[in-house]
Amino acid sequence: MSFGRRNPIGAALLAAIALAACAPRLSEPPQLPYQKVSALVHFPDFYPGLGTLYVQPTTLPYGPFRGYDRNGELVNTIYMVPLHDLDRHASIRNIQGTPLPVDHVEIYFNSGHPGVEMPHYHIVLWHVSAERQKTLQ
């Protein structure tokens, strides 16, 4: 008799562990040309709620920015879209995508900060659950 027939819960648990191990995980720091935002502008190394951010300087202001948790795991991909681009109905093309599946998305206004001083919208693609997102402090 096989293990799965004798202990279906154990077989399901082993399958879940095996599948979780197959999920892609990207660790900090990302490959060049990504650079830590805090090394480019006056910005904290770890920003509560978003994580440690990296960006390719040539892609500013749009990004993508990559956010990592305190364990160095990629948790979000962020795009910053200037309000003036939206106001003039500009097309924004050929922005690099995200390397991981998206759990949920947040879009919110920001009046400006170091690195992207003009008013803009953050489009945050979360690669972790909303519950896990709340732990990024």
C-alpha atoms as a PDB file:
ATOM      1  CA  MET A   1       0.000   0.000   0.000  1.00  0.00           C
ATOM      2  CA  SER A   2       1.347   3.462  -0.848  1.00  0.00           C
ATOM      3  CA  PHE A   3       1.976   6.258   1.639  1.00  0.00           C
ATOM      4  CA  GLY A   4      -0.822   8.371   0.118  1.00  0.00           C
ATOM      5  CA  ARG A   5      -3.413   5.662   0.629  1.00  0.00           C
ATOM      6  CA  ARG A   6      -2.443   5.006   4.227  1.00  0.00           C
ATOM      7  CA  ASN A   7      -2.062   8.632   5.252  1.00  0.00           C
ATOM      8  CA  PRO A   8      -3.787  11.036   2.833  1.00  0.00           C
ATOM      9  CA  ILE A   9      -3.255  14.039   5.163  1.00  0.00           C
ATOM     10  CA  GLY A  10       0.464  13.295   5.364  1.00  0.00           C
ATOM     11  CA  ALA A  11       0.665  12.916   1.578  1.00  0.00           C
ATOM     12  CA  ALA A  12      -1.160  16.227   1.083  1.00  0.00           C
ATOM     13  CA  LEU A  13       1.186  17.930   3.561  1.00  0.00           C
ATOM     14  CA  LEU A  14       4.257  16.601   1.764  1.00  0.00           C
ATOM     15  CA  ALA A  15       2.851  17.750  -1.578  1.00  0.00           C
ATOM     16  CA  ALA A  16       2.181  21.253  -0.194  1.00  0.00           C
ATOM     17  CA  ILE A  17       5.728  21.485   1.176  1.00  0.00           C
ATOM     18  CA  ALA A  18       7.163  20.338  -2.144  1.00  0.00           C
ATOM     19  CA  LEU A  19       5.086  22.886  -4.080  1.00  0.00           C
ATOM     20  CA  ALA A  20       6.062  25.706  -1.713  1.00  0.00           C
ATOM     21  CA  ALA A  21       9.704  24.862  -2.248  1.00  0.00           C
ATOM     22  CA  CYS A  22       9.182  25.223  -6.015  1.00  0.00           C
ATOM     23  CA  ALA A  23       7.787  28.773  -5.726  1.00  0.00           C
ATOM     24  CA  PRO A  24      10.283  31.317  -7.031  1.00  0.00           C
ATOM     25  CA  ARG A  25      12.021  33.446  -4.422  1.00  0.00           C
ATOM     26  CA  LEU A  26      14.120  36.441  -5.273  1.00  0.00           C
ATOM     27  CA  SER A  27      16.576  37.679  -2.703  1.00  0.00           C
ATOM     28  CA  GLU A  28      18.205  41.022  -2.023  1.00  0.00           C
ATOM     29  CA  PRO A  29      20.177  42.589  -3.553  1.00  0.00           C
ATOM     30  CA  PRO A  30      18.906  42.422  -7.128  1.00  0.00           C
ATOM     31  CA  GLN A  31      21.429  42.243  -9.946  1.00  0.00           C
ATOM     32  CA  LEU A  32      23.006  45.345 -11.447  1.00  0.00           C
ATOM     33  CA  PRO A  33      21.994  47.850 -12.724  1.00  0.00           C
ATOM     34  CA  TYR A  34      19.627  47.959  -9.702  1.00  0.00           C
ATOM     35  CA  GLN A  35      20.912  50.180  -6.902  1.00  0.00           C
ATOM     36  CA  LYS A  36      19.655  50.760  -3.376  1.00  0.00           C
ATOM     37  CA  VAL A  37      17.483  53.896  -3.361  1.00  0.00           C
ATOM     38  CA  SER A  38      19.053  54.996  -0.052  1.00  0.00           C
ATOM     39  CA  ALA A  39      22.467  55.086  -1.796  1.00  0.00           C
ATOM     40  CA  LEU A  40      21.098  57.327  -4.567  1.00  0.00           C
ATOM     41  CA  VAL A  41      19.056  59.884  -2.582  1.00  0.00           C
ATOM     42  CA  HIS A  42      18.319  60.820   1.023  1.00  0.00           C
ATOM     43  CA  PHE A  43      15.942  57.947   1.823  1.00  0.00           C
ATOM     44  CA  PRO A  44      15.839  55.377   4.651  1.00  0.00           C
ATOM     45  CA  ASP A  45      17.489  51.978   4.102  1.00  0.00           C
ATOM     46  CA  PHE A  46      14.209  50.347   5.108  1.00  0.00           C
ATOM     47  CA  TYR A  47      10.956  52.214   4.541  1.00  0.00           C
ATOM     48  CA  PRO A  48       8.170  50.912   6.828  1.00  0.00           C
ATOM     49  CA  GLY A  49       5.298  49.523   4.796  1.00  0.00           C
ATOM     50  CA  LEU A  50       7.354  49.079   1.592  1.00  0.00           C
ATOM     51  CA  GLY A  51      10.719  47.603   2.610  1.00  0.00           C
ATOM     52  CA  THR A  52      14.245  48.150   1.321  1.00  0.00           C
ATOM     53  CA  LEU A  53      13.897  49.680  -2.142  1.00  0.00           C
ATOM     54  CA  TYR A  54      16.070  49.243  -5.227  1.00  0.00           C
ATOM     55  CA  VAL A  55      15.752  50.873  -8.657  1.00  0.00           C
ATOM     56  CA  GLN A  56      17.643  51.149 -11.920  1.00  0.00           C
ATOM     57  CA  PRO A  57      18.563  54.874 -12.010  1.00  0.00           C
ATOM     58  CA  THR A  58      17.953  55.086 -15.768  1.00  0.00           C
ATOM     59  CA  THR A  59      14.305  54.059 -15.286  1.00  0.00           C
ATOM     60  CA  LEU A  60      13.366  56.943 -12.937  1.00  0.00           C
ATOM     61  CA  PRO A  61      10.779  58.137 -12.188  1.00  0.00           C
ATOM     62  CA  TYR A  62       8.696  55.145 -13.309  1.00  0.00           C
ATOM     63  CA  GLY A  63      10.780  52.253 -12.063  1.00  0.00           C
ATOM     64  CA  PRO A  64      10.172  49.462 -11.441  1.00  0.00           C
ATOM     65  CA  PHE A  65      11.325  49.760  -7.852  1.00  0.00           C
ATOM     66  CA  ARG A  66      11.827  46.452  -6.043  1.00  0.00           C
ATOM     67  CA  GLY A  67      10.899  46.224  -2.353  1.00  0.00           C
ATOM     68  CA  TYR A  68      12.483  43.627  -0.047  1.00  0.00           C
ATOM     69  CA  ASP A  69      11.514  42.621   3.478  1.00  0.00           C
ATOM     70  CA  ARG A  70      13.977  42.510   6.394  1.00  0.00           C
ATOM     71  CA  ASN A  71      14.887  38.931   5.427  1.00  0.00           C
ATOM     72  CA  GLY A  72      15.909  40.085   1.949  1.00  0.00           C
ATOM     73  CA  GLU A  73      12.945  38.525   0.113  1.00  0.00           C
ATOM     74  CA  LEU A  74      11.248  40.410  -2.736  1.00  0.00           C
ATOM     75  CA  VAL A  75       7.782  41.444  -1.546  1.00  0.00           C
ATOM     76  CA  ASN A  76       6.680  44.121  -4.031  1.00  0.00           C
ATOM     77  CA  THR A  77       7.292  45.834  -7.339  1.00  0.00           C
ATOM     78  CA  ILE A  78       6.473  49.550  -7.419  1.00  0.00           C
ATOM     79  CA  TYR A  79       5.847  51.917 -10.312  1.00  0.00           C
ATOM     80  CA  MET A  80       5.720  55.685  -9.768  1.00  0.00           C
ATOM     81  CA  VAL A  81       3.685  57.535 -12.380  1.00  0.00           C
ATOM     82  CA  PRO A  82       3.950  61.362 -12.350  1.00  0.00           C
ATOM     83  CA  LEU A  83       0.627  63.157 -12.141  1.00  0.00           C
ATOM     84  CA  HIS A  84       1.588  65.392 -15.098  1.00  0.00           C
ATOM     85  CA  ASP A  85       1.863  62.267 -17.298  1.00  0.00           C
ATOM     86  CA  LEU A  86      -1.646  61.235 -16.318  1.00  0.00           C
ATOM     87  CA  ASP A  87      -2.987  64.780 -16.783  1.00  0.00           C
ATOM     88  CA  ARG A  88      -1.654  64.986 -20.330  1.00  0.00           C
ATOM     89  CA  HIS A  89      -2.854  61.439 -21.093  1.00  0.00           C
ATOM     90  CA  ALA A  90       0.683  60.315 -21.912  1.00  0.00           C
ATOM     91  CA  SER A  91       1.349  56.762 -23.009  1.00  0.00           C
ATOM     92  CA  ILE A  92       3.924  54.991 -20.863  1.00  0.00           C
ATOM     93  CA  ARG A  93       5.428  52.055 -22.691  1.00  0.00           C
ATOM     94  CA  ASN A  94       8.060  49.375 -22.307  1.00  0.00           C
ATOM     95  CA  ILE A  95       8.285  49.407 -18.537  1.00  0.00           C
ATOM     96  CA  GLN A  96       9.895  46.262 -17.191  1.00  0.00           C
ATOM     97  CA  GLY A  97       7.452  43.775 -15.697  1.00  0.00           C
ATOM     98  CA  THR A  98       7.497  41.908 -12.429  1.00  0.00           C
ATOM     99  CA  PRO A  99       9.475  38.714 -11.805  1.00  0.00           C
ATOM    100  CA  LEU A 100       6.929  37.119  -9.448  1.00  0.00           C
ATOM    101  CA  PRO A 101       3.180  36.499  -9.384  1.00  0.00           C
ATOM    102  CA  VAL A 102       1.049  39.332  -7.971  1.00  0.00           C
ATOM    103  CA  ASP A 103      -1.142  38.715  -4.928  1.00  0.00           C
ATOM    104  CA  HIS A 104      -2.822  42.138  -4.869  1.00  0.00           C
ATOM    105  CA  VAL A 105      -2.360  45.736  -6.081  1.00  0.00           C
ATOM    106  CA  GLU A 106      -2.492  49.126  -4.360  1.00  0.00           C
ATOM    107  CA  ILE A 107      -2.635  52.502  -6.111  1.00  0.00           C
ATOM    108  CA  TYR A 108      -2.246  55.707  -4.118  1.00  0.00           C
ATOM    109  CA  PHE A 109      -1.204  59.341  -4.477  1.00  0.00           C
ATOM    110  CA  ASN A 110       2.131  60.692  -3.202  1.00  0.00           C
ATOM    111  CA  SER A 111       2.957  64.415  -3.195  1.00  0.00           C
ATOM    112  CA  GLY A 112       6.655  63.713  -3.796  1.00  0.00           C
ATOM    113  CA  HIS A 113       9.711  62.403  -1.970  1.00  0.00           C
ATOM    114  CA  PRO A 114      13.489  62.187  -2.533  1.00  0.00           C
ATOM    115  CA  GLY A 115      14.151  60.553  -5.888  1.00  0.00           C
ATOM    116  CA  VAL A 116      10.690  61.319  -7.300  1.00  0.00           C
ATOM    117  CA  GLU A 117      10.009  64.873  -6.143  1.00  0.00           C
ATOM    118  CA  MET A 118       7.000  65.627  -8.355  1.00  0.00           C
ATOM    119  CA  PRO A 119       3.461  64.569  -7.362  1.00  0.00           C
ATOM    120  CA  HIS A 120       2.836  61.023  -8.564  1.00  0.00           C
ATOM    121  CA  TYR A 121       0.891  57.837  -8.036  1.00  0.00           C
ATOM    122  CA  HIS A 122       2.406  54.680  -6.570  1.00  0.00           C
ATOM    123  CA  ILE A 123       1.242  51.482  -8.224  1.00  0.00           C
ATOM    124  CA  VAL A 124       2.353  48.708  -5.883  1.00  0.00           C
ATOM    125  CA  LEU A 125       2.204  45.106  -7.048  1.00  0.00           C
ATOM    126  CA  TRP A 126       2.381  42.954  -3.927  1.00  0.00           C
ATOM    127  CA  HIS A 127       3.962  39.513  -4.216  1.00  0.00           C
ATOM    128  CA  VAL A 128       2.861  38.592  -0.677  1.00  0.00           C
ATOM    129  CA  SER A 129      -0.515  38.457   1.041  1.00  0.00           C
ATOM    130  CA  ALA A 130      -2.119  41.539   2.593  1.00  0.00           C
ATOM    131  CA  GLU A 131      -1.545  39.942   6.007  1.00  0.00           C
ATOM    132  CA  ARG A 132       2.177  39.564   5.348  1.00  0.00           C
ATOM    133  CA  GLN A 133       2.321  43.085   3.890  1.00  0.00           C
ATOM    134  CA  LYS A 134       1.157  44.437   7.270  1.00  0.00           C
ATOM    135  CA  THR A 135       4.283  43.004   8.936  1.00  0.00           C
ATOM    136  CA  LEU A 136       6.666  45.246   6.940  1.00  0.00           C
ATOM    137  CA  GLN A 137       7.511  47.563   9.810  1.00  0.00           C
END
